[in-house]
PDB file of N, CA and C in Angstrom:
ATOM      1  N   MET A   1      28.861 127.394  58.270  1.00  0.00           N
ATOM      2  CA  MET A   1      29.250 127.494  59.663  1.00  0.00           C
ATOM      3  C   MET A   1      30.713 127.929  59.743  1.00  0.00           C
ATOM      4  N   ALA A   2      31.038 128.795  60.685  1.00  0.00           N
ATOM      5  CA  ALA A   2      32.393 129.303  60.830  1.00  0.00           C
ATOM      6  C   ALA A   2      33.320 128.212  61.340  1.00  0.00           C
ATOM      7  N   LYS A   3      34.534 128.248  60.822  1.00  0.00           N
ATOM      8  CA  LYS A   3      35.535 127.275  61.234  1.00  0.00           C
ATOM      9  C   LYS A   3      36.093 127.668  62.601  1.00  0.00           C
ATOM     10  N   LYS A   4      36.159 126.719  63.504  1.00  0.00           N
ATOM     11  CA  LYS A   4      36.645 126.977  64.864  1.00  0.00           C
ATOM     12  C   LYS A   4      38.165 127.082  64.842  1.00  0.00           C
ATOM     13  N   LYS A   5      38.676 128.141  65.452  1.00  0.00           N
ATOM     14  CA  LYS A   5      40.119 128.327  65.559  1.00  0.00           C
ATOM     15  C   LYS A   5      40.599 127.628  66.819  1.00  0.00           C
ATOM     16  N   ASN A   6      41.641 126.859  66.668  1.00  0.00           N
ATOM     17  CA  ASN A   6      42.235 126.209  67.832  1.00  0.00           C
ATOM     18  C   ASN A   6      43.440 127.018  68.264  1.00  0.00           C
ATOM     19  N   ASN A   7      43.413 127.500  69.468  1.00  0.00           N
ATOM     20  CA  ASN A   7      44.552 128.218  70.023  1.00  0.00           C
ATOM     21  C   ASN A   7      45.367 127.227  70.832  1.00  0.00           C
ATOM     22  N   SER A   8      46.358 126.627  70.178  1.00  0.00           N
ATOM     23  CA  SER A   8      47.174 125.630  70.857  1.00  0.00           C
ATOM     24  C   SER A   8      48.316 126.305  71.599  1.00  0.00           C
ATOM     25  N   LYS A   9      49.017 125.507  72.371  1.00  0.00           N
ATOM     26  CA  LYS A   9      50.143 126.012  73.140  1.00  0.00           C
ATOM     27  C   LYS A   9      51.197 126.614  72.209  1.00  0.00           C
ATOM     28  N   ASN A  10      51.361 126.012  71.029  1.00  0.00           N
ATOM     29  CA  ASN A  10      52.348 126.500  70.081  1.00  0.00           C
ATOM     30  C   ASN A  10      52.028 127.906  69.588  1.00  0.00           C
ATOM     31  N   ASP A  11      50.743 128.282  69.569  1.00  0.00           N
ATOM     32  CA  ASP A  11      50.357 129.619  69.122  1.00  0.00           C
ATOM     33  C   ASP A  11      50.957 130.708  70.008  1.00  0.00           C
ATOM     34  N   PHE A  12      51.209 130.396  71.254  1.00  0.00           N
ATOM     35  CA  PHE A  12      51.685 131.398  72.213  1.00  0.00           C
ATOM     36  C   PHE A  12      53.070 131.064  72.770  1.00  0.00           C
ATOM     37  N   GLU A  13      53.731 130.102  72.167  1.00  0.00           N
ATOM     38  CA  GLU A  13      55.014 129.623  72.684  1.00  0.00           C
ATOM     39  C   GLU A  13      56.038 130.745  72.867  1.00  0.00           C
ATOM     40  N   ASN A  14      56.090 131.672  71.932  1.00  0.00           N
ATOM     41  CA  ASN A  14      57.075 132.756  71.991  1.00  0.00           C
ATOM     42  C   ASN A  14      56.494 134.057  72.517  1.00  0.00           C
ATOM     43  N   VAL A  15      55.319 133.990  73.118  1.00  0.00           N
ATOM     44  CA  VAL A  15      54.671 135.182  73.664  1.00  0.00           C
ATOM     45  C   VAL A  15      55.066 135.321  75.132  1.00  0.00           C
ATOM     46  N   SER A  16      55.620 136.483  75.478  1.00  0.00           N
ATOM     47  CA  SER A  16      56.018 136.717  76.869  1.00  0.00           C
ATOM     48  C   SER A  16      54.783 136.929  77.734  1.00  0.00           C
ATOM     49  N   PHE A  17      54.976 136.844  79.028  1.00  0.00           N
ATOM     50  CA  PHE A  17      53.895 137.070  79.977  1.00  0.00           C
ATOM     51  C   PHE A  17      53.332 138.481  79.790  1.00  0.00           C
ATOM     52  N   GLU A  18      54.222 139.456  79.676  1.00  0.00           N
ATOM     53  CA  GLU A  18      53.797 140.844  79.545  1.00  0.00           C
ATOM     54  C   GLU A  18      53.005 141.066  78.247  1.00  0.00           C
ATOM     55  N   GLN A  19      53.453 140.457  77.163  1.00  0.00           N
ATOM     56  CA  GLN A  19      52.739 140.589  75.896  1.00  0.00           C
ATOM     57  C   GLN A  19      51.362 139.938  75.988  1.00  0.00           C
ATOM     58  N   ALA A  20      51.296 138.781  76.633  1.00  0.00           N
ATOM     59  CA  ALA A  20      50.010 138.089  76.786  1.00  0.00           C
ATOM     60  C   ALA A  20      49.036 138.939  77.595  1.00  0.00           C
ATOM     61  N   ILE A  21      49.512 139.577  78.654  1.00  0.00           N
ATOM     62  CA  ILE A  21      48.655 140.455  79.461  1.00  0.00           C
ATOM     63  C   ILE A  21      48.175 141.634  78.622  1.00  0.00           C
ATOM     64  N   GLY A  22      49.065 142.193  77.820  1.00  0.00           N
ATOM     65  CA  GLY A  22      48.675 143.290  76.932  1.00  0.00           C
ATOM     66  C   GLY A  22      47.615 142.857  75.930  1.00  0.00           C
ATOM     67  N   ASP A  23      47.792 141.665  75.348  1.00  0.00           N
ATOM     68  CA  ASP A  23      46.806 141.137  74.404  1.00  0.00           C
ATOM     69  C   ASP A  23      45.461 140.900  75.091  1.00  0.00           C
ATOM     70  N   LEU A  24      45.507 140.377  76.303  1.00  0.00           N
ATOM     71  CA  LEU A  24      44.265 140.154  77.057  1.00  0.00           C
ATOM     72  C   LEU A  24      43.534 141.470  77.322  1.00  0.00           C
ATOM     73  N   THR A  25      44.286 142.493  77.684  1.00  0.00           N
ATOM     74  CA  THR A  25      43.695 143.806  77.939  1.00  0.00           C
ATOM     75  C   THR A  25      43.022 144.344  76.678  1.00  0.00           C
ATOM     76  N   ALA A  26      43.682 144.180  75.544  1.00  0.00           N
ATOM     77  CA  ALA A  26      43.120 144.653  74.280  1.00  0.00           C
ATOM     78  C   ALA A  26      41.844 143.892  73.928  1.00  0.00           C
ATOM     79  N   ILE A  27      41.843 142.594  74.166  1.00  0.00           N
ATOM     80  CA  ILE A  27      40.657 141.768  73.890  1.00  0.00           C
ATOM     81  C   ILE A  27      39.489 142.228  74.751  1.00  0.00           C
ATOM     82  N   VAL A  28      39.740 142.416  76.034  1.00  0.00           N
ATOM     83  CA  VAL A  28      38.679 142.854  76.953  1.00  0.00           C
ATOM     84  C   VAL A  28      38.136 144.214  76.524  1.00  0.00           C
ATOM     85  N   ASP A  29      39.031 145.123  76.171  1.00  0.00           N
ATOM     86  CA  ASP A  29      38.592 146.460  75.735  1.00  0.00           C
ATOM     87  C   ASP A  29      37.697 146.377  74.500  1.00  0.00           C
ATOM     88  N   LYS A  30      38.105 145.560  73.522  1.00  0.00           N
ATOM     89  CA  LYS A  30      37.310 145.415  72.297  1.00  0.00           C
ATOM     90  C   LYS A  30      35.923 144.865  72.607  1.00  0.00           C
ATOM     91  N   ILE A  31      35.876 143.824  73.413  1.00  0.00           N
ATOM     92  CA  ILE A  31      34.589 143.184  73.721  1.00  0.00           C
ATOM     93  C   ILE A  31      33.710 144.121  74.540  1.00  0.00           C
ATOM     94  N   GLU A  32      34.292 144.776  75.556  1.00  0.00           N
ATOM     95  CA  GLU A  32      33.501 145.658  76.422  1.00  0.00           C
ATOM     96  C   GLU A  32      32.952 146.872  75.689  1.00  0.00           C
ATOM     97  N   THR A  33      33.688 147.378  74.711  1.00  0.00           N
ATOM     98  CA  THR A  33      33.230 148.571  74.006  1.00  0.00           C
ATOM     99  C   THR A  33      32.348 148.239  72.809  1.00  0.00           C
ATOM    100  N   GLY A  34      32.169 146.951  72.542  1.00  0.00           N
ATOM    101  CA  GLY A  34      31.300 146.543  71.443  1.00  0.00           C
ATOM    102  C   GLY A  34      31.889 146.791  70.072  1.00  0.00           C
ATOM    103  N   GLN A  35      33.198 146.819  69.967  1.00  0.00           N
ATOM    104  CA  GLN A  35      33.866 147.080  68.700  1.00  0.00           C
ATOM    105  C   GLN A  35      33.844 145.881  67.757  1.00  0.00           C
ATOM    106  N   VAL A  36      33.418 144.730  68.239  1.00  0.00           N
ATOM    107  CA  VAL A  36      33.445 143.513  67.425  1.00  0.00           C
ATOM    108  C   VAL A  36      32.063 142.860  67.415  1.00  0.00           C
ATOM    109  N   SER A  37      31.819 142.081  66.384  1.00  0.00           N
ATOM    110  CA  SER A  37      30.546 141.370  66.275  1.00  0.00           C
ATOM    111  C   SER A  37      30.491 140.250  67.308  1.00  0.00           C
ATOM    112  N   LEU A  38      29.323 139.673  67.459  1.00  0.00           N
ATOM    113  CA  LEU A  38      29.166 138.567  68.397  1.00  0.00           C
ATOM    114  C   LEU A  38      30.073 137.400  68.031  1.00  0.00           C
ATOM    115  N   ALA A  39      30.113 137.056  66.755  1.00  0.00           N
ATOM    116  CA  ALA A  39      30.960 135.943  66.309  1.00  0.00           C
ATOM    117  C   ALA A  39      32.433 136.218  66.602  1.00  0.00           C
ATOM    118  N   GLU A  40      32.854 137.450  66.320  1.00  0.00           N
ATOM    119  CA  GLU A  40      34.246 137.799  66.594  1.00  0.00           C
ATOM    120  C   GLU A  40      34.506 137.847  68.100  1.00  0.00           C
ATOM    121  N   SER A  41      33.508 138.281  68.860  1.00  0.00           N
ATOM    122  CA  SER A  41      33.640 138.299  70.323  1.00  0.00           C
ATOM    123  C   SER A  41      33.906 136.901  70.855  1.00  0.00           C
ATOM    124  N   LEU A  42      33.202 135.923  70.304  1.00  0.00           N
ATOM    125  CA  LEU A  42      33.412 134.538  70.742  1.00  0.00           C
ATOM    126  C   LEU A  42      34.823 134.069  70.406  1.00  0.00           C
ATOM    127  N   GLY A  43      35.292 134.431  69.221  1.00  0.00           N
ATOM    128  CA  GLY A  43      36.661 134.081  68.842  1.00  0.00           C
ATOM    129  C   GLY A  43      37.681 134.751  69.740  1.00  0.00           C
ATOM    130  N   GLN A  44      37.435 136.016  70.041  1.00  0.00           N
ATOM    131  CA  GLN A  44      38.329 136.747  70.933  1.00  0.00           C
ATOM    132  C   GLN A  44      38.306 136.163  72.352  1.00  0.00           C
ATOM    133  N   TYR A  45      37.116 135.763  72.779  1.00  0.00           N
ATOM    134  CA  TYR A  45      36.984 135.135  74.098  1.00  0.00           C
ATOM    135  C   TYR A  45      37.803 133.844  74.148  1.00  0.00           C
ATOM    136  N   GLU A  46      37.705 133.057  73.096  1.00  0.00           N
ATOM    137  CA  GLU A  46      38.465 131.799  73.032  1.00  0.00           C
ATOM    138  C   GLU A  46      39.969 132.078  73.070  1.00  0.00           C
ATOM    139  N   LYS A  47      40.402 133.080  72.302  1.00  0.00           N
ATOM    140  CA  LYS A  47      41.817 133.454  72.308  1.00  0.00           C
ATOM    141  C   LYS A  47      42.236 133.925  73.702  1.00  0.00           C
ATOM    142  N   GLY A  48      41.369 134.713  74.339  1.00  0.00           N
ATOM    143  CA  GLY A  48      41.663 135.204  75.684  1.00  0.00           C
ATOM    144  C   GLY A  48      41.829 134.072  76.688  1.00  0.00           C
ATOM    145  N   MET A  49      40.972 133.074  76.588  1.00  0.00           N
ATOM    146  CA  MET A  49      41.080 131.934  77.504  1.00  0.00           C
ATOM    147  C   MET A  49      42.398 131.178  77.283  1.00  0.00           C
ATOM    148  N   ALA A  50      42.800 131.060  76.023  1.00  0.00           N
ATOM    149  CA  ALA A  50      44.078 130.407  75.727  1.00  0.00           C
ATOM    150  C   ALA A  50      45.242 131.237  76.265  1.00  0.00           C
ATOM    151  N   LEU A  51      45.133 132.565  76.165  1.00  0.00           N
ATOM    152  CA  LEU A  51      46.178 133.437  76.714  1.00  0.00           C
ATOM    153  C   LEU A  51      46.258 133.321  78.232  1.00  0.00           C
ATOM    154  N   ILE A  52      45.095 133.221  78.882  1.00  0.00           N
ATOM    155  CA  ILE A  52      45.073 133.045  80.336  1.00  0.00           C
ATOM    156  C   ILE A  52      45.765 131.740  80.720  1.00  0.00           C
ATOM    157  N   LYS A  53      45.485 130.689  79.988  1.00  0.00           N
ATOM    158  CA  LYS A  53      46.135 129.397  80.245  1.00  0.00           C
ATOM    159  C   LYS A  53      47.646 129.522  80.073  1.00  0.00           C
ATOM    160  N   HIS A  54      48.059 130.214  79.028  1.00  0.00           N
ATOM    161  CA  HIS A  54      49.484 130.437  78.772  1.00  0.00           C
ATOM    162  C   HIS A  54      50.133 131.198  79.936  1.00  0.00           C
ATOM    163  N   CYS A  55      49.460 132.242  80.410  1.00  0.00           N
ATOM    164  CA  CYS A  55      49.983 133.033  81.534  1.00  0.00           C
ATOM    165  C   CYS A  55      50.101 132.181  82.793  1.00  0.00           C
ATOM    166  N   ARG A  56      49.104 131.355  83.047  1.00  0.00           N
ATOM    167  CA  ARG A  56      49.155 130.478  84.219  1.00  0.00           C
ATOM    168  C   ARG A  56      50.328 129.520  84.141  1.00  0.00           C
ATOM    169  N   GLU A  57      50.598 128.991  82.945  1.00  0.00           N
ATOM    170  CA  GLU A  57      51.730 128.088  82.770  1.00  0.00           C
ATOM    171  C   GLU A  57      53.045 128.806  83.037  1.00  0.00           C
ATOM    172  N   ILE A  58      53.161 130.037  82.539  1.00  0.00           N
ATOM    173  CA  ILE A  58      54.371 130.829  82.794  1.00  0.00           C
ATOM    174  C   ILE A  58      54.549 131.064  84.293  1.00  0.00           C
ATOM    175  N   LEU A  59      53.465 131.424  84.978  1.00  0.00           N
ATOM    176  CA  LEU A  59      53.543 131.676  86.418  1.00  0.00           C
ATOM    177  C   LEU A  59      53.890 130.412  87.196  1.00  0.00           C
ATOM    178  N   LEU A  60      53.327 129.269  86.799  1.00  0.00           N
ATOM    179  CA  LEU A  60      53.650 128.009  87.469  1.00  0.00           C
ATOM    180  C   LEU A  60      55.119 127.645  87.274  1.00  0.00           C
ATOM    181  N   ASP A  61      55.631 127.860  86.063  1.00  0.00           N
ATOM    182  CA  ASP A  61      57.052 127.602  85.806  1.00  0.00           C
ATOM    183  C   ASP A  61      57.934 128.505  86.658  1.00  0.00           C
ATOM    184  N   ALA A  62      57.554 129.771  86.763  1.00  0.00           N
ATOM    185  CA  ALA A  62      58.324 130.714  87.581  1.00  0.00           C
ATOM    186  C   ALA A  62      58.304 130.297  89.048  1.00  0.00           C
ATOM    187  N   GLU A  63      57.138 129.861  89.517  1.00  0.00           N
ATOM    188  CA  GLU A  63      57.014 129.414  90.906  1.00  0.00           C
ATOM    189  C   GLU A  63      57.904 128.199  91.165  1.00  0.00           C
ATOM    190  N   LYS A  64      57.934 127.262  90.218  1.00  0.00           N
ATOM    191  CA  LYS A  64      58.793 126.080  90.360  1.00  0.00           C
ATOM    192  C   LYS A  64      60.256 126.475  90.411  1.00  0.00           C
ATOM    193  N   ARG A  65      60.659 127.420  89.554  1.00  0.00           N
ATOM    194  CA  ARG A  65      62.052 127.873  89.554  1.00  0.00           C
ATOM    195  C   ARG A  65      62.409 128.519  90.884  1.00  0.00           C
ATOM    196  N   ILE A  66      61.506 129.326  91.416  1.00  0.00           N
ATOM    197  CA  ILE A  66      61.764 129.986  92.701  1.00  0.00           C
ATOM    198  C   ILE A  66      61.922 128.946  93.800  1.00  0.00           C
ATOM    199  N   GLU A  67      61.066 127.930  93.798  1.00  0.00           N
ATOM    200  CA  GLU A  67      61.168 126.869  94.801  1.00  0.00           C
ATOM    201  C   GLU A  67      62.486 126.127  94.671  1.00  0.00           C
ATOM    202  N   GLU A  68      62.913 125.849  93.429  1.00  0.00           N
ATOM    203  CA  GLU A  68      64.184 125.160  93.213  1.00  0.00           C
ATOM    204  C   GLU A  68      65.350 126.000  93.714  1.00  0.00           C
ATOM    205  N   ILE A  69      65.313 127.279  93.406  1.00  0.00           N
ATOM    206  CA  ILE A  69      66.373 128.180  93.860  1.00  0.00           C
ATOM    207  C   ILE A  69      66.393 128.238  95.379  1.00  0.00           C
ATOM    208  N   SER A  70      65.228 128.332  95.984  1.00  0.00           N
ATOM    209  CA  SER A  70      65.139 128.404  97.442  1.00  0.00           C
ATOM    210  C   SER A  70      65.620 127.116  98.084  1.00  0.00           C
ATOM    211  N   ASP A  71      65.322 125.974  97.465  1.00  0.00           N
ATOM    212  CA  ASP A  71      65.753 124.695  98.010  1.00  0.00           C
ATOM    213  C   ASP A  71      67.255 124.503  97.874  1.00  0.00           C
ATOM    214  N   ASP A  72      67.864 125.066  96.825  1.00  0.00           N
ATOM    215  CA  ASP A  72      69.300 124.921  96.589  1.00  0.00           C
ATOM    216  C   ASP A  72      70.127 125.829  97.475  1.00  0.00           C
ATOM    217  N   GLU A  73      69.528 126.928  97.931  1.00  0.00           N
ATOM    218  CA  GLU A  73      70.255 127.908  98.722  1.00  0.00           C
ATOM    219  C   GLU A  73      70.391 127.418 100.161  1.00  0.00           C
ATOM    220  N   PRO A  74      71.621 127.471 100.714  1.00  0.00           N
ATOM    221  CA  PRO A  74      71.784 127.043 102.109  1.00  0.00           C
ATOM    222  C   PRO A  74      71.042 127.979 103.048  1.00  0.00           C
ATOM    223  N   GLU A  75      70.589 127.411 104.140  1.00  0.00           N
ATOM    224  CA  GLU A  75      69.846 128.209 105.110  1.00  0.00           C
ATOM    225  C   GLU A  75      70.780 129.203 105.781  1.00  0.00           C
ATOM    226  N   ASP A  76      70.299 130.427 105.965  1.00  0.00           N
ATOM    227  CA  ASP A  76      71.086 131.467 106.621  1.00  0.00           C
ATOM    228  C   ASP A  76      70.940 131.337 108.123  1.00  0.00           C
ATOM    229  N   ASP A  77      71.915 131.862 108.804  1.00  0.00           N
ATOM    230  CA  ASP A  77      71.853 131.906 110.260  1.00  0.00           C
ATOM    231  C   ASP A  77      71.409 133.286 110.703  1.00  0.00           C
ATOM    232  N   ASP A  78      70.480 133.889 109.954  1.00  0.00           N
ATOM    233  CA  ASP A  78      69.992 135.228 110.290  1.00  0.00           C
ATOM    234  C   ASP A  78      69.387 135.287 111.683  1.00  0.00           C
ATOM    235  N   ASP A  79      68.700 134.231 112.090  1.00  0.00           N
ATOM    236  CA  ASP A  79      68.084 134.222 113.410  1.00  0.00           C
ATOM    237  C   ASP A  79      69.147 134.281 114.497  1.00  0.00           C
ATOM    238  N   ASP A  80      70.247 133.558 114.294  1.00  0.00           N
ATOM    239  CA  ASP A  80      71.322 133.581 115.280  1.00  0.00           C
ATOM    240  C   ASP A  80      71.955 134.958 115.356  1.00  0.00           C
ATOM    241  N   GLU A  81      72.157 135.596 114.196  1.00  0.00           N
ATOM    242  CA  GLU A  81      72.744 136.927 114.174  1.00  0.00           C
ATOM    243  C   GLU A  81      71.835 137.923 114.882  1.00  0.00           C
ATOM    244  N   LEU A  82      70.542 137.814 114.666  1.00  0.00           N
ATOM    245  CA  LEU A  82      69.584 138.707 115.302  1.00  0.00           C
ATOM    246  C   LEU A  82      69.633 138.547 116.818  1.00  0.00           C
ATOM    247  N   GLU A  83      69.702 137.313 117.299  1.00  0.00           N
ATOM    248  CA  GLU A  83      69.770 137.074 118.739  1.00  0.00           C
ATOM    249  C   GLU A  83      71.048 137.658 119.313  1.00  0.00           C
ATOM    250  N   ASP A  84      72.186 137.521 118.585  1.00  0.00           N
ATOM    251  CA  ASP A  84      73.450 138.074 119.052  1.00  0.00           C
ATOM    252  C   ASP A  84      73.365 139.596 119.151  1.00  0.00           C
ATOM    253  N   GLU A  85      72.746 140.249 118.168  1.00  0.00           N
ATOM    254  CA  GLU A  85      72.602 141.705 118.203  1.00  0.00           C
ATOM    255  C   GLU A  85      71.737 142.138 119.376  1.00  0.00           C
ATOM    256  N   GLU A  86      70.682 141.382 119.672  1.00  0.00           N
ATOM    257  CA  GLU A  86      69.819 141.721 120.806  1.00  0.00           C
ATOM    258  C   GLU A  86      70.581 141.584 122.114  1.00  0.00           C
ATOM    259  N   ASP A  87      71.445 140.564 122.237  1.00  0.00           N
ATOM    260  CA  ASP A  87      72.248 140.389 123.445  1.00  0.00           C
ATOM    261  C   ASP A  87      73.190 141.567 123.641  1.00  0.00           C
ATOM    262  N   ILE A  88      73.800 142.042 122.554  1.00  0.00           N
ATOM    263  CA  ILE A  88      74.722 143.173 122.637  1.00  0.00           C
ATOM    264  C   ILE A  88      73.968 144.429 123.069  1.00  0.00           C
ATOM    265  N   GLU A  89      72.784 144.641 122.505  1.00  0.00           N
ATOM    266  CA  GLU A  89      71.986 145.805 122.880  1.00  0.00           C
ATOM    267  C   GLU A  89      71.600 145.735 124.353  1.00  0.00           C
ATOM    268  N   ASP A  90      71.259 144.547 124.849  1.00  0.00           N
ATOM    269  CA  ASP A  90      70.897 144.391 126.254  1.00  0.00           C
ATOM    270  C   ASP A  90      72.084 144.715 127.150  1.00  0.00           C
ATOM    271  N   GLU A  91      73.298 144.286 126.738  1.00  0.00           N
ATOM    272  CA  GLU A  91      74.490 144.576 127.527  1.00  0.00           C
ATOM    273  C   GLU A  91      74.756 146.079 127.569  1.00  0.00           C
ATOM    274  N   ASP A  92      74.561 146.744 126.431  1.00  0.00           N
ATOM    275  CA  ASP A  92      74.793 148.196 126.362  1.00  0.00           C
ATOM    276  C   ASP A  92      73.811 148.918 127.296  1.00  0.00           C
ATOM    277  N   GLU A  93      72.592 148.487 127.353  1.00  0.00           N
ATOM    278  CA  GLU A  93      71.595 149.111 128.223  1.00  0.00           C
ATOM    279  C   GLU A  93      71.965 148.903 129.681  1.00  0.00           C
ATOM    280  N   ASP A  94      72.471 147.719 130.032  1.00  0.00           N
ATOM    281  CA  ASP A  94      72.873 147.433 131.403  1.00  0.00           C
ATOM    282  C   ASP A  94      74.039 148.336 131.824  1.00  0.00           C
ATOM    283  N   ASP A  95      74.987 148.587 130.904  1.00  0.00           N
ATOM    284  CA  ASP A  95      76.143 149.417 131.204  1.00  0.00           C
ATOM    285  C   ASP A  95      75.739 150.869 131.432  1.00  0.00           C
ATOM    286  N   SER A  96      74.736 151.333 130.752  1.00  0.00           N
ATOM    287  CA  SER A  96      74.352 152.730 130.858  1.00  0.00           C
ATOM    288  C   SER A  96      73.619 153.037 132.146  1.00  0.00           C
ATOM    289  N   LEU A  97      73.186 152.024 132.848  1.00  0.00           N
ATOM    290  CA  LEU A  97      72.494 152.229 134.104  1.00  0.00           C
ATOM    291  C   LEU A  97      73.427 152.628 135.230  1.00  0.00           C
ATOM    292  N   PHE A  98      74.707 152.298 135.118  1.00  0.00           N
ATOM    293  CA  PHE A  98      75.637 152.546 136.207  1.00  0.00           C
ATOM    294  C   PHE A  98      76.434 153.760 135.987  1.00  0.00           C
TER     295      PHE A  98
END
């Protein structure tokens, strides 16, 4: 019986998101074109699932960082500035009528 390969988190620790996506694309291409045996397809499928998990973890970490950055940044008064600009435009329109 074939020995089961465990794709742990450490296997992909230094793999970037972009590299993982590239590896996933290659795995899908191999399986779809029938370039590998059934047994190898199963191994590739298992590796692909581990890569997907790795990508999800990277995306979740990125989302957390974005939320932290957004929470640390002071709120802008963009809405107030927009209202002030609209008031100025309204005044200019009123002046042009006379």
